């Protein structure tokens, strides 16, 4: 298992895939294209719903600036098995 935590610097979202590059807190830059479903997404450790996209994106497919996430990669083909969006609760 691998985990990355940091700020997303590139991002796109299609109907069933996410692509992103993350500047990790460990000083590396990691990129991944992965299939996703809502049951594999969290927001601040809580269940992610379709309405939560507005907390992550300024418009469909366009990530809000300085968005952070924690990504867990748990399978052999490199697919993210869980993405936890780290959204400020003070905004």
C-alpha atoms as a PDB file:
ATOM      1  CA  UNK A   1       0.000   0.000   0.000  1.00  0.00           C
ATOM      2  CA  UNK A   2       1.125   3.526  -0.821  1.00  0.00           C
ATOM      3  CA  UNK A   3      -0.363   6.790   0.335  1.00  0.00           C
ATOM      4  CA  UNK A   4       0.166  10.324  -0.948  1.00  0.00           C
ATOM      5  CA  UNK A   5      -0.966  13.481   0.832  1.00  0.00           C
ATOM      6  CA  UNK A   6      -0.571  16.939  -0.635  1.00  0.00           C
ATOM      7  CA  UNK A   7      -1.852  19.662  -2.933  1.00  0.00           C
ATOM      8  CA  UNK A   8      -3.224  18.815  -6.356  1.00  0.00           C
ATOM      9  CA  UNK A   9      -1.502  20.848  -9.077  1.00  0.00           C
ATOM     10  CA  UNK A  10      -3.222  19.249 -12.089  1.00  0.00           C
ATOM     11  CA  UNK A  11      -6.626  17.612 -12.264  1.00  0.00           C
ATOM     12  CA  UNK A  12      -9.323  16.416 -14.640  1.00  0.00           C
ATOM     13  CA  UNK A  13     -12.477  14.377 -14.192  1.00  0.00           C
ATOM     14  CA  UNK A  14     -14.333  12.317 -16.750  1.00  0.00           C
ATOM     15  CA  UNK A  15     -17.451  10.195 -16.346  1.00  0.00           C
ATOM     16  CA  UNK A  16     -15.537   7.312 -14.765  1.00  0.00           C
ATOM     17  CA  UNK A  17     -11.890   8.424 -14.450  1.00  0.00           C
ATOM     18  CA  UNK A  18      -9.889  11.006 -12.531  1.00  0.00           C
ATOM     19  CA  UNK A  19      -6.472  12.239 -13.528  1.00  0.00           C
ATOM     20  CA  UNK A  20      -4.241  14.304 -11.301  1.00  0.00           C
ATOM     21  CA  UNK A  21      -0.766  15.359 -10.292  1.00  0.00           C
ATOM     22  CA  UNK A  22      -0.128  15.924  -6.602  1.00  0.00           C
ATOM     23  CA  UNK A  23       2.740  17.783  -4.934  1.00  0.00           C
ATOM     24  CA  UNK A  24       3.125  15.600  -1.865  1.00  0.00           C
ATOM     25  CA  UNK A  25       3.975  16.747   1.630  1.00  0.00           C
ATOM     26  CA  UNK A  26       7.047  14.482   1.320  1.00  0.00           C
ATOM     27  CA  UNK A  27       8.460  16.650  -1.487  1.00  0.00           C
ATOM     28  CA  UNK A  28       7.665  14.397  -4.443  1.00  0.00           C
ATOM     29  CA  UNK A  29       5.333  14.911  -7.371  1.00  0.00           C
ATOM     30  CA  UNK A  30       3.095  11.967  -8.275  1.00  0.00           C
ATOM     31  CA  UNK A  31       0.668  11.528 -11.174  1.00  0.00           C
ATOM     32  CA  UNK A  32      -2.134   9.056 -11.691  1.00  0.00           C
ATOM     33  CA  UNK A  33      -5.098   8.330 -13.947  1.00  0.00           C
ATOM     34  CA  UNK A  34      -7.571   6.109 -12.151  1.00  0.00           C
ATOM     35  CA  UNK A  35     -11.151   4.889 -12.363  1.00  0.00           C
ATOM     36  CA  UNK A  36     -13.383   6.177  -9.582  1.00  0.00           C
ATOM     37  CA  UNK A  37     -16.818   5.826  -8.086  1.00  0.00           C
ATOM     38  CA  UNK A  38     -18.432   7.828  -5.274  1.00  0.00           C
ATOM     39  CA  UNK A  39     -18.015   4.926  -2.857  1.00  0.00           C
ATOM     40  CA  UNK A  40     -14.216   5.278  -3.264  1.00  0.00           C
ATOM     41  CA  UNK A  41     -14.257   8.992  -2.358  1.00  0.00           C
ATOM     42  CA  UNK A  42     -14.296  10.710   1.023  1.00  0.00           C
ATOM     43  CA  UNK A  43     -14.366  14.355   2.045  1.00  0.00           C
ATOM     44  CA  UNK A  44     -12.592  15.129   5.316  1.00  0.00           C
ATOM     45  CA  UNK A  45     -12.905  11.452   6.218  1.00  0.00           C
ATOM     46  CA  UNK A  46     -16.684  11.381   5.663  1.00  0.00           C
ATOM     47  CA  UNK A  47     -18.817   9.788   2.941  1.00  0.00           C
ATOM     48  CA  UNK A  48     -18.614  11.745  -0.354  1.00  0.00           C
ATOM     49  CA  UNK A  49     -21.870  12.553  -2.173  1.00  0.00           C
ATOM     50  CA  UNK A  50     -22.505  13.904  -5.657  1.00  0.00           C
ATOM     51  CA  UNK A  51     -23.248  17.334  -4.130  1.00  0.00           C
ATOM     52  CA  UNK A  52     -19.721  17.409  -2.635  1.00  0.00           C
ATOM     53  CA  UNK A  53     -18.217  17.987  -6.102  1.00  0.00           C
ATOM     54  CA  UNK A  54     -19.108  21.677  -5.595  1.00  0.00           C
ATOM     55  CA  UNK A  55     -16.858  21.714  -2.514  1.00  0.00           C
ATOM     56  CA  UNK A  56     -13.923  20.361  -4.584  1.00  0.00           C
ATOM     57  CA  UNK A  57     -14.493  21.929  -8.007  1.00  0.00           C
ATOM     58  CA  UNK A  58     -15.240  25.544  -9.006  1.00  0.00           C
ATOM     59  CA  UNK A  59     -16.972  24.075 -12.079  1.00  0.00           C
ATOM     60  CA  UNK A  60     -17.203  20.561 -13.492  1.00  0.00           C
ATOM     61  CA  UNK A  61     -13.684  19.279 -14.056  1.00  0.00           C
ATOM     62  CA  UNK A  62     -11.974  22.421 -12.712  1.00  0.00           C
ATOM     63  CA  UNK A  63     -10.452  21.977  -9.277  1.00  0.00           C
ATOM     64  CA  UNK A  64     -10.564  24.802  -6.748  1.00  0.00           C
ATOM     65  CA  UNK A  65      -7.113  26.312  -6.030  1.00  0.00           C
ATOM     66  CA  UNK A  66      -4.966  24.740  -3.311  1.00  0.00           C
ATOM     67  CA  UNK A  67      -7.163  21.657  -2.970  1.00  0.00           C
ATOM     68  CA  UNK A  68      -5.552  18.936  -0.902  1.00  0.00           C
ATOM     69  CA  UNK A  69      -6.169  15.209  -0.894  1.00  0.00           C
ATOM     70  CA  UNK A  70      -4.917  11.966   0.595  1.00  0.00           C
ATOM     71  CA  UNK A  71      -4.777   9.120  -1.928  1.00  0.00           C
ATOM     72  CA  UNK A  72      -4.371   5.475  -0.959  1.00  0.00           C
ATOM     73  CA  UNK A  73      -3.106   3.077  -3.657  1.00  0.00           C
ATOM     74  CA  UNK A  74      -3.840  -0.436  -2.545  1.00  0.00           C
ATOM     75  CA  UNK A  75      -3.759  -2.660  -5.614  1.00  0.00           C
ATOM     76  CA  UNK A  76      -1.060  -3.924  -7.942  1.00  0.00           C
ATOM     77  CA  UNK A  77      -2.213  -2.031 -11.039  1.00  0.00           C
ATOM     78  CA  UNK A  78      -1.742   1.407  -9.433  1.00  0.00           C
ATOM     79  CA  UNK A  79      -5.421   2.331  -9.225  1.00  0.00           C
ATOM     80  CA  UNK A  80      -6.378   4.609  -6.374  1.00  0.00           C
ATOM     81  CA  UNK A  81      -8.635   2.659  -4.117  1.00  0.00           C
ATOM     82  CA  UNK A  82      -9.559   5.642  -1.947  1.00  0.00           C
ATOM     83  CA  UNK A  83      -9.334   9.425  -2.311  1.00  0.00           C
ATOM     84  CA  UNK A  84     -10.024  11.624   0.718  1.00  0.00           C
ATOM     85  CA  UNK A  85     -10.465  15.278  -0.263  1.00  0.00           C
ATOM     86  CA  UNK A  86      -9.070  17.548   2.469  1.00  0.00           C
ATOM     87  CA  UNK A  87     -11.362  20.597   2.377  1.00  0.00           C
ATOM     88  CA  UNK A  88     -11.153  23.474   4.843  1.00  0.00           C
ATOM     89  CA  UNK A  89     -14.248  23.674   7.015  1.00  0.00           C
ATOM     90  CA  UNK A  90     -13.594  27.402   7.609  1.00  0.00           C
ATOM     91  CA  UNK A  91     -14.410  28.550   4.073  1.00  0.00           C
END
